[in-house]
Amino acid sequence: MFEINWIIERIKKGEYYFSKHGDQERQNDNLTIAEVEEALLGGRILEQYEDSGRGESCLVAGFTEAGKPIHTVCGRRGDWLVIITVYIPRPPKFKAPYERGEK
């Protein structure tokens, strides 16, 4: 189970990294590392995911200082935060940053 305070501490200490997939998705949505950090520092956990073979993870929704919504799926490797994927939430998957759309 993830706690938002643990995620915030990892970001503040620089104890995180992007997975290869996460960094590619970040670039696909033209998101900077600073924007992802801003969204995580002010974010909230929307969903917790059980271990599906790669460890537990969670979905964090947050906003940049400019108001851009960002979703980040976070995992843990030892004491480090791993950014598994990151994207801008859009329909149909999400109606709004905090609300799922059609599945």
N, C-alpha and C. Protein backbone atom coordinates (compact mmCIF):
# COMPACT_ATOMS: atom_id res chain seq x y z
N MET A 1 0.84 -1.18 0.00
CA MET A 1 0.00 0.00 0.00
C MET A 1 0.89 1.25 0.00
N PHE A 2 0.65 2.12 -0.91
CA PHE A 2 1.44 3.34 -1.04
C PHE A 2 0.82 4.47 -0.22
N GLU A 3 1.68 5.35 0.25
CA GLU A 3 1.27 6.56 0.95
C GLU A 3 1.79 7.74 0.13
N ILE A 4 0.99 8.77 -0.05
CA ILE A 4 1.42 9.93 -0.85
C ILE A 4 2.64 10.61 -0.23
N ASN A 5 2.74 10.60 1.10
CA ASN A 5 3.89 11.24 1.76
C ASN A 5 5.20 10.53 1.40
N TRP A 6 5.17 9.20 1.25
CA TRP A 6 6.37 8.46 0.86
C TRP A 6 6.79 8.87 -0.55
N ILE A 7 5.81 8.99 -1.45
CA ILE A 7 6.09 9.40 -2.83
C ILE A 7 6.69 10.81 -2.85
N ILE A 8 6.09 11.72 -2.11
CA ILE A 8 6.58 13.11 -2.06
C ILE A 8 8.02 13.15 -1.54
N GLU A 9 8.31 12.38 -0.51
CA GLU A 9 9.67 12.35 0.03
C GLU A 9 10.67 11.83 -1.00
N ARG A 10 10.30 10.81 -1.75
CA ARG A 10 11.21 10.27 -2.78
C ARG A 10 11.49 11.34 -3.84
N ILE A 11 10.46 12.08 -4.24
CA ILE A 11 10.66 13.13 -5.25
C ILE A 11 11.57 14.21 -4.69
N LYS A 12 11.31 14.66 -3.48
CA LYS A 12 12.11 15.72 -2.86
C LYS A 12 13.58 15.32 -2.72
N LYS A 13 13.82 14.04 -2.42
CA LYS A 13 15.19 13.56 -2.22
C LYS A 13 15.86 13.13 -3.53
N GLY A 14 15.09 13.12 -4.63
CA GLY A 14 15.65 12.66 -5.90
C GLY A 14 15.84 11.15 -5.94
N GLU A 15 15.10 10.44 -5.11
CA GLU A 15 15.21 8.98 -5.04
C GLU A 15 14.12 8.33 -5.88
N TYR A 16 14.16 8.61 -7.16
CA TYR A 16 13.20 8.04 -8.09
C TYR A 16 13.85 7.94 -9.46
N TYR A 17 13.25 7.12 -10.30
CA TYR A 17 13.69 7.04 -11.69
C TYR A 17 12.51 6.63 -12.56
N PHE A 18 12.64 6.94 -13.84
CA PHE A 18 11.63 6.56 -14.83
C PHE A 18 12.00 5.21 -15.41
N SER A 19 11.03 4.32 -15.53
CA SER A 19 11.26 3.09 -16.28
C SER A 19 11.44 3.49 -17.75
N LYS A 20 11.95 2.60 -18.54
CA LYS A 20 12.11 2.90 -19.97
C LYS A 20 10.76 3.26 -20.58
N HIS A 21 9.73 2.48 -20.26
CA HIS A 21 8.38 2.74 -20.76
C HIS A 21 7.86 4.09 -20.24
N GLY A 22 8.06 4.34 -18.96
CA GLY A 22 7.59 5.60 -18.36
C GLY A 22 8.21 6.81 -19.03
N ASP A 23 9.50 6.74 -19.31
CA ASP A 23 10.16 7.88 -19.94
C ASP A 23 9.68 8.06 -21.38
N GLN A 24 9.43 6.96 -22.07
CA GLN A 24 8.91 7.06 -23.44
C GLN A 24 7.52 7.68 -23.45
N GLU A 25 6.66 7.26 -22.53
CA GLU A 25 5.31 7.81 -22.45
C GLU A 25 5.34 9.30 -22.07
N ARG A 26 6.26 9.66 -21.19
CA ARG A 26 6.43 11.07 -20.81
C ARG A 26 6.76 11.90 -22.05
N GLN A 27 7.68 11.41 -22.84
CA GLN A 27 8.07 12.12 -24.05
C GLN A 27 6.94 12.15 -25.08
N ASN A 28 6.18 11.06 -25.17
CA ASN A 28 5.06 11.00 -26.12
C ASN A 28 4.02 12.09 -25.84
N ASP A 29 3.84 12.43 -24.56
CA ASP A 29 2.88 13.47 -24.17
C ASP A 29 3.56 14.83 -23.98
N ASN A 30 4.81 14.93 -24.40
CA ASN A 30 5.58 16.18 -24.30
C ASN A 30 5.60 16.74 -22.88
N LEU A 31 5.79 15.86 -21.92
CA LEU A 31 5.86 16.26 -20.52
C LEU A 31 7.32 16.36 -20.09
N THR A 32 7.65 17.41 -19.37
CA THR A 32 9.01 17.54 -18.85
C THR A 32 9.11 16.81 -17.51
N ILE A 33 10.33 16.51 -17.12
CA ILE A 33 10.55 15.89 -15.82
C ILE A 33 10.05 16.81 -14.72
N ALA A 34 10.29 18.11 -14.85
CA ALA A 34 9.81 19.09 -13.85
C ALA A 34 8.29 19.05 -13.73
N GLU A 35 7.57 18.90 -14.84
CA GLU A 35 6.11 18.84 -14.78
C GLU A 35 5.64 17.59 -14.03
N VAL A 36 6.30 16.47 -14.28
CA VAL A 36 5.94 15.23 -13.58
C VAL A 36 6.20 15.39 -12.08
N GLU A 37 7.34 15.98 -11.73
CA GLU A 37 7.64 16.23 -10.32
C GLU A 37 6.58 17.13 -9.68
N GLU A 38 6.20 18.21 -10.35
CA GLU A 38 5.17 19.13 -9.82
C GLU A 38 3.87 18.39 -9.55
N ALA A 39 3.46 17.56 -10.51
CA ALA A 39 2.20 16.83 -10.37
C ALA A 39 2.26 15.84 -9.22
N LEU A 40 3.40 15.18 -9.04
CA LEU A 40 3.52 14.23 -7.93
C LEU A 40 3.58 14.93 -6.58
N LEU A 41 4.26 16.05 -6.51
CA LEU A 41 4.40 16.77 -5.24
C LEU A 41 3.06 17.29 -4.72
N GLY A 42 2.14 17.59 -5.63
CA GLY A 42 0.82 18.08 -5.22
C GLY A 42 -0.29 17.09 -5.50
N GLY A 43 0.08 15.84 -5.80
CA GLY A 43 -0.90 14.85 -6.23
C GLY A 43 -1.58 14.10 -5.11
N ARG A 44 -2.52 13.27 -5.54
CA ARG A 44 -3.20 12.38 -4.60
C ARG A 44 -3.35 11.01 -5.25
N ILE A 45 -3.33 9.99 -4.43
CA ILE A 45 -3.44 8.63 -4.92
C ILE A 45 -4.90 8.35 -5.25
N LEU A 46 -5.14 7.95 -6.50
CA LEU A 46 -6.51 7.62 -6.95
C LEU A 46 -6.80 6.14 -6.82
N GLU A 47 -5.82 5.32 -7.17
CA GLU A 47 -6.04 3.87 -7.18
C GLU A 47 -4.78 3.17 -6.69
N GLN A 48 -4.99 2.05 -5.99
CA GLN A 48 -3.90 1.18 -5.56
C GLN A 48 -4.04 -0.14 -6.31
N TYR A 49 -2.92 -0.67 -6.79
CA TYR A 49 -2.94 -1.92 -7.54
C TYR A 49 -2.13 -2.98 -6.80
N GLU A 50 -2.69 -4.17 -6.73
CA GLU A 50 -2.00 -5.28 -6.07
C GLU A 50 -0.84 -5.74 -6.93
N ASP A 51 0.00 -6.55 -6.34
CA ASP A 51 1.15 -7.12 -7.05
C ASP A 51 0.65 -8.03 -8.16
N SER A 52 0.97 -7.68 -9.39
CA SER A 52 0.56 -8.50 -10.54
C SER A 52 1.79 -9.15 -11.17
N GLY A 53 2.80 -9.40 -10.35
CA GLY A 53 4.02 -10.02 -10.84
C GLY A 53 5.19 -9.06 -10.92
N ARG A 54 4.90 -7.76 -10.88
CA ARG A 54 5.97 -6.76 -10.93
C ARG A 54 5.98 -5.88 -9.69
N GLY A 55 5.23 -6.26 -8.68
CA GLY A 55 5.16 -5.47 -7.46
C GLY A 55 3.91 -4.61 -7.41
N GLU A 56 3.64 -4.08 -6.24
CA GLU A 56 2.49 -3.19 -6.07
C GLU A 56 2.76 -1.87 -6.78
N SER A 57 1.67 -1.19 -7.13
CA SER A 57 1.80 0.13 -7.75
C SER A 57 0.56 0.95 -7.40
N CYS A 58 0.59 2.22 -7.79
CA CYS A 58 -0.55 3.09 -7.54
C CYS A 58 -0.63 4.15 -8.63
N LEU A 59 -1.81 4.70 -8.80
CA LEU A 59 -2.05 5.78 -9.76
C LEU A 59 -2.17 7.08 -8.98
N VAL A 60 -1.32 8.05 -9.33
CA VAL A 60 -1.35 9.36 -8.69
C VAL A 60 -1.84 10.38 -9.71
N ALA A 61 -2.82 11.18 -9.32
CA ALA A 61 -3.31 12.27 -10.17
C ALA A 61 -2.85 13.57 -9.56
N GLY A 62 -2.31 14.43 -10.42
CA GLY A 62 -1.85 15.73 -9.95
C GLY A 62 -1.86 16.73 -11.08
N PHE A 63 -1.46 17.94 -10.77
CA PHE A 63 -1.45 19.02 -11.75
C PHE A 63 -0.12 19.75 -11.71
N THR A 64 0.28 20.27 -12.85
CA THR A 64 1.46 21.13 -12.88
C THR A 64 1.06 22.48 -12.32
N GLU A 65 2.06 23.34 -12.10
CA GLU A 65 1.76 24.68 -11.62
C GLU A 65 0.91 25.45 -12.63
N ALA A 66 1.01 25.09 -13.90
CA ALA A 66 0.22 25.73 -14.95
C ALA A 66 -1.16 25.12 -15.09
N GLY A 67 -1.47 24.09 -14.28
CA GLY A 67 -2.80 23.48 -14.31
C GLY A 67 -2.97 22.29 -15.23
N LYS A 68 -1.89 21.78 -15.81
CA LYS A 68 -1.97 20.62 -16.70
C LYS A 68 -2.15 19.35 -15.85
N PRO A 69 -3.19 18.53 -16.14
CA PRO A 69 -3.39 17.30 -15.37
C PRO A 69 -2.40 16.22 -15.83
N ILE A 70 -1.87 15.48 -14.87
CA ILE A 70 -0.94 14.39 -15.17
C ILE A 70 -1.28 13.20 -14.28
N HIS A 71 -1.30 12.02 -14.89
CA HIS A 71 -1.44 10.76 -14.16
C HIS A 71 -0.09 10.06 -14.18
N THR A 72 0.31 9.54 -13.03
CA THR A 72 1.57 8.82 -12.91
C THR A 72 1.31 7.50 -12.21
N VAL A 73 1.75 6.41 -12.82
CA VAL A 73 1.67 5.11 -12.16
C VAL A 73 3.04 4.87 -11.53
N CYS A 74 3.03 4.69 -10.21
CA CYS A 74 4.26 4.57 -9.43
C CYS A 74 4.42 3.18 -8.84
N GLY A 75 5.65 2.72 -8.81
CA GLY A 75 6.00 1.47 -8.15
C GLY A 75 7.14 1.72 -7.18
N ARG A 76 7.63 0.64 -6.59
CA ARG A 76 8.71 0.75 -5.61
C ARG A 76 9.74 -0.34 -5.90
N ARG A 77 10.99 0.06 -5.88
CA ARG A 77 12.11 -0.88 -5.99
C ARG A 77 13.04 -0.57 -4.83
N GLY A 78 12.94 -1.38 -3.78
CA GLY A 78 13.69 -1.09 -2.57
C GLY A 78 13.17 0.22 -1.97
N ASP A 79 14.08 1.17 -1.73
CA ASP A 79 13.69 2.47 -1.18
C ASP A 79 13.44 3.50 -2.28
N TRP A 80 13.46 3.09 -3.53
CA TRP A 80 13.32 4.02 -4.66
C TRP A 80 11.92 3.96 -5.25
N LEU A 81 11.45 5.12 -5.68
CA LEU A 81 10.19 5.25 -6.40
C LEU A 81 10.48 5.02 -7.88
N VAL A 82 9.65 4.23 -8.53
CA VAL A 82 9.79 4.00 -9.96
C VAL A 82 8.56 4.57 -10.65
N ILE A 83 8.78 5.40 -11.64
CA ILE A 83 7.68 5.93 -12.44
C ILE A 83 7.50 4.96 -13.59
N ILE A 84 6.44 4.16 -13.48
CA ILE A 84 6.18 3.09 -14.44
C ILE A 84 5.64 3.65 -15.74
N THR A 85 4.69 4.56 -15.62
CA THR A 85 4.17 5.26 -16.79
C THR A 85 3.61 6.60 -16.34
N VAL A 86 3.51 7.50 -17.29
CA VAL A 86 3.00 8.84 -17.00
C VAL A 86 2.30 9.34 -18.26
N TYR A 87 1.16 10.01 -18.08
CA TYR A 87 0.39 10.46 -19.24
C TYR A 87 -0.58 11.55 -18.83
N ILE A 88 -1.11 12.23 -19.83
CA ILE A 88 -2.18 13.21 -19.61
C ILE A 88 -3.50 12.45 -19.75
N PRO A 89 -4.34 12.45 -18.71
CA PRO A 89 -5.61 11.70 -18.78
C PRO A 89 -6.56 12.33 -19.79
N ARG A 90 -7.10 11.47 -20.66
CA ARG A 90 -8.00 11.92 -21.72
C ARG A 90 -9.16 10.94 -21.88
N PRO A 91 -10.27 11.43 -22.44
CA PRO A 91 -11.37 10.53 -22.78
C PRO A 91 -10.90 9.56 -23.88
N PRO A 92 -11.45 8.40 -23.98
CA PRO A 92 -12.60 7.89 -23.21
C PRO A 92 -12.20 7.26 -21.88
N LYS A 93 -10.90 7.02 -21.66
CA LYS A 93 -10.48 6.34 -20.43
C LYS A 93 -10.80 7.17 -19.18
N PHE A 94 -10.65 8.49 -19.28
CA PHE A 94 -10.95 9.37 -18.15
C PHE A 94 -11.84 10.52 -18.61
N LYS A 95 -12.95 10.73 -17.88
CA LYS A 95 -13.84 11.87 -18.14
C LYS A 95 -13.20 13.15 -17.64
N ALA A 96 -12.53 13.04 -16.51
CA ALA A 96 -11.86 14.16 -15.84
C ALA A 96 -10.65 13.58 -15.11
N PRO A 97 -9.71 14.42 -14.69
CA PRO A 97 -8.51 13.88 -14.03
C PRO A 97 -8.77 12.93 -12.87
N TYR A 98 -9.88 13.11 -12.14
CA TYR A 98 -10.18 12.24 -11.00
C TYR A 98 -11.33 11.28 -11.26
N GLU A 99 -11.78 11.16 -12.50
CA GLU A 99 -12.97 10.35 -12.79
C GLU A 99 -12.76 9.49 -14.03
N ARG A 100 -12.90 8.17 -13.84
CA ARG A 100 -12.75 7.22 -14.95
C ARG A 100 -13.93 7.38 -15.92
N GLY A 101 -13.64 7.12 -17.19
CA GLY A 101 -14.66 7.12 -18.22
C GLY A 101 -15.06 5.70 -18.55
N GLU A 102 -15.33 5.49 -19.81
CA GLU A 102 -15.71 4.15 -20.29
C GLU A 102 -14.50 3.22 -20.23
N LYS A 103 -14.76 1.97 -19.98
CA LYS A 103 -13.68 0.96 -19.96
C LYS A 103 -13.58 0.28 -21.28
